[in-house]
């Protein structure tokens, strides 16, 4: 796995764990939000490298 995909998986897991107290939809939405945040961080780091 690339470092970018590892970061996305890590943030998606954190988002899902934080949303566990919500009913069924909570972990799904939390995982999506975490993945979006990590994807934005990956883009920002990619822009700085050039």
Protein backbone atom coordinates (compact mmCIF):
# COMPACT_ATOMS: atom_id res chain seq x y z
CA UNK A 1 0.00 0.00 0.00
CA UNK A 2 1.11 3.51 -0.70
CA UNK A 3 1.50 6.02 2.14
CA UNK A 4 -1.49 7.92 0.79
CA UNK A 5 -3.80 4.92 0.96
CA UNK A 6 -2.53 4.03 4.44
CA UNK A 7 -3.44 7.53 5.61
CA UNK A 8 -6.93 7.24 4.09
CA UNK A 9 -7.54 3.90 5.81
CA UNK A 10 -6.29 5.26 9.14
CA UNK A 11 -8.50 8.35 9.06
CA UNK A 12 -11.53 6.35 7.87
CA UNK A 13 -11.10 3.94 10.81
CA UNK A 14 -10.78 6.82 13.26
CA UNK A 15 -13.91 8.45 11.86
CA UNK A 16 -15.84 5.19 12.10
CA UNK A 17 -14.76 4.58 15.70
CA UNK A 18 -15.71 8.11 16.73
CA UNK A 19 -19.18 7.68 15.22
CA UNK A 20 -20.00 4.35 16.94
CA UNK A 21 -22.42 5.91 19.48
CA UNK A 22 -24.74 6.88 16.62
CA UNK A 23 -27.13 4.29 15.22
CA UNK A 24 -26.39 2.13 12.16
CA UNK A 25 -25.48 5.00 9.84
CA UNK A 26 -22.92 6.59 12.20
CA UNK A 27 -19.86 4.43 11.45
CA UNK A 28 -20.53 4.57 7.71
CA UNK A 29 -20.74 8.37 7.67
CA UNK A 30 -17.76 8.62 10.05
CA UNK A 31 -15.67 6.43 7.76
CA UNK A 32 -16.58 8.50 4.72
CA UNK A 33 -15.79 11.77 6.51
CA UNK A 34 -12.45 10.40 7.71
CA UNK A 35 -11.54 9.24 4.20
CA UNK A 36 -12.43 12.64 2.73
CA UNK A 37 -10.27 14.42 5.31
CA UNK A 38 -7.32 12.14 4.56
CA UNK A 39 -7.80 12.57 0.83
CA UNK A 40 -7.68 16.35 1.24
CA UNK A 41 -4.49 16.06 3.30
CA UNK A 42 -2.95 13.89 0.59
CA UNK A 43 -3.81 16.47 -2.05
CA UNK A 44 -2.34 19.30 0.01
CA UNK A 45 0.91 17.41 0.56
CA UNK A 46 1.06 16.57 -3.13
CA UNK A 47 0.74 20.21 -4.09
CA UNK A 48 3.61 21.17 -1.78
CA UNK A 49 6.00 18.61 -3.23
CA UNK A 50 6.23 20.30 -6.64
